[in-house]
């Protein structure tokens, strides 16, 4: 360790390079965490959304359970509850759907293979 005449520790150039590298690494990690690393944003709903709508709530499944699930697992859960899952939007592609009412149709949005939003049961 080197010290100047006042006793203050002097940094060698290799120490300075190591500190810079750590600083940049910390900056990159902080940026990635702040941006969410590209993870899709899941839009939570407060009120329960029962699927299917045409049966008593005791027999239906709260459709909010599919939020955050992989698309295939969410579709399987919807089928098990007696509902059909319809993807309204996948990533940046919006799909056309019918306007008729079906109390067993669960409309969702999928981003990066994850169900991120419920549009409703209809």
C-alpha atoms as a PDB file:
ATOM      1  CA  UNK A   1       0.000   0.000   0.000  1.00  0.00           C
ATOM      2  CA  UNK A   2       1.307   3.406  -0.944  1.00  0.00           C
ATOM      3  CA  UNK A   3       0.856   6.540   1.138  1.00  0.00           C
ATOM      4  CA  UNK A   4       1.712  10.125   0.474  1.00  0.00           C
ATOM      5  CA  UNK A   5       3.630  12.314   2.921  1.00  0.00           C
ATOM      6  CA  UNK A   6       0.464  13.091   4.919  1.00  0.00           C
ATOM      7  CA  UNK A   7      -0.326   9.395   5.384  1.00  0.00           C
ATOM      8  CA  UNK A   8      -3.287   9.321   2.971  1.00  0.00           C
ATOM      9  CA  UNK A   9      -3.519   6.074   1.049  1.00  0.00           C
ATOM     10  CA  UNK A  10      -2.783   6.421  -2.649  1.00  0.00           C
ATOM     11  CA  UNK A  11      -4.573   4.262  -5.181  1.00  0.00           C
ATOM     12  CA  UNK A  12      -2.629   2.438  -7.822  1.00  0.00           C
ATOM     13  CA  UNK A  13      -3.915   2.513 -11.395  1.00  0.00           C
ATOM     14  CA  UNK A  14      -5.028  -1.133 -11.092  1.00  0.00           C
ATOM     15  CA  UNK A  15      -7.107  -0.179  -8.015  1.00  0.00           C
ATOM     16  CA  UNK A  16      -8.690   2.685  -9.927  1.00  0.00           C
ATOM     17  CA  UNK A  17      -9.570   0.377 -12.851  1.00  0.00           C
ATOM     18  CA  UNK A  18     -11.117  -2.161 -10.472  1.00  0.00           C
ATOM     19  CA  UNK A  19     -13.209   0.549  -8.799  1.00  0.00           C
ATOM     20  CA  UNK A  20     -14.419   1.838 -12.170  1.00  0.00           C
ATOM     21  CA  UNK A  21     -15.344  -1.679 -13.270  1.00  0.00           C
ATOM     22  CA  UNK A  22     -17.338  -2.235 -10.050  1.00  0.00           C
ATOM     23  CA  UNK A  23     -19.063   1.114 -10.445  1.00  0.00           C
ATOM     24  CA  UNK A  24     -20.103   0.337 -14.030  1.00  0.00           C
ATOM     25  CA  UNK A  25     -21.307  -3.123 -13.035  1.00  0.00           C
ATOM     26  CA  UNK A  26     -23.386  -1.615 -10.231  1.00  0.00           C
ATOM     27  CA  UNK A  27     -24.819   0.923 -12.675  1.00  0.00           C
ATOM     28  CA  UNK A  28     -25.782  -1.794 -15.190  1.00  0.00           C
ATOM     29  CA  UNK A  29     -27.412  -3.945 -12.491  1.00  0.00           C
ATOM     30  CA  UNK A  30     -29.319  -0.968 -11.078  1.00  0.00           C
ATOM     31  CA  UNK A  31     -30.547  -0.016 -14.566  1.00  0.00           C
ATOM     32  CA  UNK A  32     -31.710  -3.569 -15.258  1.00  0.00           C
ATOM     33  CA  UNK A  33     -33.576  -3.724 -11.960  1.00  0.00           C
ATOM     34  CA  UNK A  34     -35.163  -0.340 -12.508  1.00  0.00           C
ATOM     35  CA  UNK A  35     -36.400  -1.313 -15.960  1.00  0.00           C
ATOM     36  CA  UNK A  36     -37.791  -4.623 -14.744  1.00  0.00           C
ATOM     37  CA  UNK A  37     -35.459  -6.586 -17.019  1.00  0.00           C
ATOM     38  CA  UNK A  38     -38.144  -6.626 -19.685  1.00  0.00           C
ATOM     39  CA  UNK A  39     -40.636  -8.559 -17.558  1.00  0.00           C
ATOM     40  CA  UNK A  40     -44.252  -7.956 -18.538  1.00  0.00           C
ATOM     41  CA  UNK A  41     -46.324  -5.717 -16.290  1.00  0.00           C
ATOM     42  CA  UNK A  42     -49.220  -7.609 -14.723  1.00  0.00           C
ATOM     43  CA  UNK A  43     -52.326  -5.489 -14.246  1.00  0.00           C
ATOM     44  CA  UNK A  44     -53.998  -6.602 -11.022  1.00  0.00           C
ATOM     45  CA  UNK A  45     -57.728  -6.296 -10.494  1.00  0.00           C
ATOM     46  CA  UNK A  46     -59.348  -5.582  -7.149  1.00  0.00           C
ATOM     47  CA  UNK A  47     -62.760  -7.197  -7.566  1.00  0.00           C
ATOM     48  CA  UNK A  48     -63.154 -10.918  -8.242  1.00  0.00           C
ATOM     49  CA  UNK A  49     -64.054 -11.945 -11.772  1.00  0.00           C
ATOM     50  CA  UNK A  50     -65.974 -15.217 -11.722  1.00  0.00           C
ATOM     51  CA  UNK A  51     -65.648 -17.707 -14.532  1.00  0.00           C
ATOM     52  CA  UNK A  52     -68.103 -18.912 -15.636  1.00  0.00           C
ATOM     53  CA  UNK A  53     -70.455 -16.066 -14.823  1.00  0.00           C
ATOM     54  CA  UNK A  54     -73.639 -18.109 -15.228  1.00  0.00           C
ATOM     55  CA  UNK A  55     -73.086 -20.346 -12.165  1.00  0.00           C
ATOM     56  CA  UNK A  56     -73.099 -19.494  -8.445  1.00  0.00           C
ATOM     57  CA  UNK A  57     -69.829 -17.988  -7.190  1.00  0.00           C
ATOM     58  CA  UNK A  58     -69.291 -21.020  -4.947  1.00  0.00           C
ATOM     59  CA  UNK A  59     -68.974 -23.197  -8.084  1.00  0.00           C
ATOM     60  CA  UNK A  60     -67.024 -20.714 -10.243  1.00  0.00           C
ATOM     61  CA  UNK A  61     -63.311 -19.924 -10.284  1.00  0.00           C
ATOM     62  CA  UNK A  62     -61.904 -16.440  -9.679  1.00  0.00           C
ATOM     63  CA  UNK A  63     -60.422 -15.621 -13.078  1.00  0.00           C
ATOM     64  CA  UNK A  64     -57.776 -13.401 -11.444  1.00  0.00           C
ATOM     65  CA  UNK A  65     -55.875 -16.627 -10.762  1.00  0.00           C
ATOM     66  CA  UNK A  66     -54.702 -16.674 -14.385  1.00  0.00           C
ATOM     67  CA  UNK A  67     -52.852 -13.356 -14.003  1.00  0.00           C
ATOM     68  CA  UNK A  68     -49.117 -14.019 -14.050  1.00  0.00           C
ATOM     69  CA  UNK A  69     -49.519 -17.584 -15.339  1.00  0.00           C
ATOM     70  CA  UNK A  70     -48.040 -18.946 -18.562  1.00  0.00           C
ATOM     71  CA  UNK A  71     -50.599 -18.878 -21.368  1.00  0.00           C
ATOM     72  CA  UNK A  72     -50.862 -22.678 -21.623  1.00  0.00           C
ATOM     73  CA  UNK A  73     -51.363 -23.127 -17.866  1.00  0.00           C
ATOM     74  CA  UNK A  74     -53.966 -20.342 -17.799  1.00  0.00           C
ATOM     75  CA  UNK A  75     -55.894 -21.929 -20.688  1.00  0.00           C
ATOM     76  CA  UNK A  76     -55.818 -25.268 -18.876  1.00  0.00           C
ATOM     77  CA  UNK A  77     -57.181 -23.657 -15.683  1.00  0.00           C
ATOM     78  CA  UNK A  78     -59.932 -21.903 -17.673  1.00  0.00           C
ATOM     79  CA  UNK A  79     -60.919 -25.190 -19.372  1.00  0.00           C
ATOM     80  CA  UNK A  80     -60.996 -26.938 -16.008  1.00  0.00           C
ATOM     81  CA  UNK A  81     -63.411 -24.252 -14.758  1.00  0.00           C
ATOM     82  CA  UNK A  82     -65.607 -24.709 -17.822  1.00  0.00           C
ATOM     83  CA  UNK A  83     -64.499 -21.527 -19.581  1.00  0.00           C
ATOM     84  CA  UNK A  84     -62.822 -20.773 -22.878  1.00  0.00           C
ATOM     85  CA  UNK A  85     -59.826 -18.434 -22.787  1.00  0.00           C
ATOM     86  CA  UNK A  86     -59.635 -16.005 -25.698  1.00  0.00           C
ATOM     87  CA  UNK A  87     -56.465 -13.993 -26.302  1.00  0.00           C
ATOM     88  CA  UNK A  88     -57.427 -10.432 -27.230  1.00  0.00           C
ATOM     89  CA  UNK A  89     -53.821  -9.244 -27.577  1.00  0.00           C
ATOM     90  CA  UNK A  90     -50.525 -11.144 -27.738  1.00  0.00           C
ATOM     91  CA  UNK A  91     -47.458  -8.935 -27.411  1.00  0.00           C
ATOM     92  CA  UNK A  92     -48.084  -6.117 -29.927  1.00  0.00           C
ATOM     93  CA  UNK A  93     -50.640  -7.986 -32.056  1.00  0.00           C
ATOM     94  CA  UNK A  94     -54.330  -7.231 -31.406  1.00  0.00           C
ATOM     95  CA  UNK A  95     -56.852  -9.845 -32.507  1.00  0.00           C
ATOM     96  CA  UNK A  96     -60.420  -9.364 -33.702  1.00  0.00           C
ATOM     97  CA  UNK A  97     -63.072 -11.060 -31.585  1.00  0.00           C
ATOM     98  CA  UNK A  98     -66.810 -11.482 -31.650  1.00  0.00           C
ATOM     99  CA  UNK A  99     -69.100  -9.072 -29.822  1.00  0.00           C
ATOM    100  CA  UNK A 100     -71.645 -11.673 -28.696  1.00  0.00           C
ATOM    101  CA  UNK A 101     -72.073 -12.411 -24.996  1.00  0.00           C
ATOM    102  CA  UNK A 102     -70.774 -15.720 -23.641  1.00  0.00           C
ATOM    103  CA  UNK A 103     -70.597 -16.071 -19.836  1.00  0.00           C
ATOM    104  CA  UNK A 104     -67.980 -18.791 -20.273  1.00  0.00           C
ATOM    105  CA  UNK A 105     -65.515 -16.776 -22.362  1.00  0.00           C
ATOM    106  CA  UNK A 106     -62.488 -15.326 -20.526  1.00  0.00           C
ATOM    107  CA  UNK A 107     -60.770 -12.547 -22.481  1.00  0.00           C
ATOM    108  CA  UNK A 108     -57.083 -11.950 -21.701  1.00  0.00           C
ATOM    109  CA  UNK A 109     -53.930 -10.177 -22.858  1.00  0.00           C
ATOM    110  CA  UNK A 110     -50.674 -12.127 -23.137  1.00  0.00           C
ATOM    111  CA  UNK A 111     -47.197 -10.567 -23.115  1.00  0.00           C
ATOM    112  CA  UNK A 112     -44.078 -12.711 -23.521  1.00  0.00           C
ATOM    113  CA  UNK A 113     -46.159 -15.848 -22.898  1.00  0.00           C
ATOM    114  CA  UNK A 114     -47.563 -14.531 -19.570  1.00  0.00           C
ATOM    115  CA  UNK A 115     -51.203 -13.522 -18.973  1.00  0.00           C
ATOM    116  CA  UNK A 116     -50.907  -9.871 -17.975  1.00  0.00           C
ATOM    117  CA  UNK A 117     -54.452  -8.520 -18.183  1.00  0.00           C
ATOM    118  CA  UNK A 118     -58.066  -9.644 -17.918  1.00  0.00           C
ATOM    119  CA  UNK A 119     -60.575  -7.925 -20.168  1.00  0.00           C
ATOM    120  CA  UNK A 120     -63.503  -9.722 -18.596  1.00  0.00           C
ATOM    121  CA  UNK A 121     -65.811 -12.658 -18.912  1.00  0.00           C
ATOM    122  CA  UNK A 122     -68.291 -12.177 -21.743  1.00  0.00           C
END
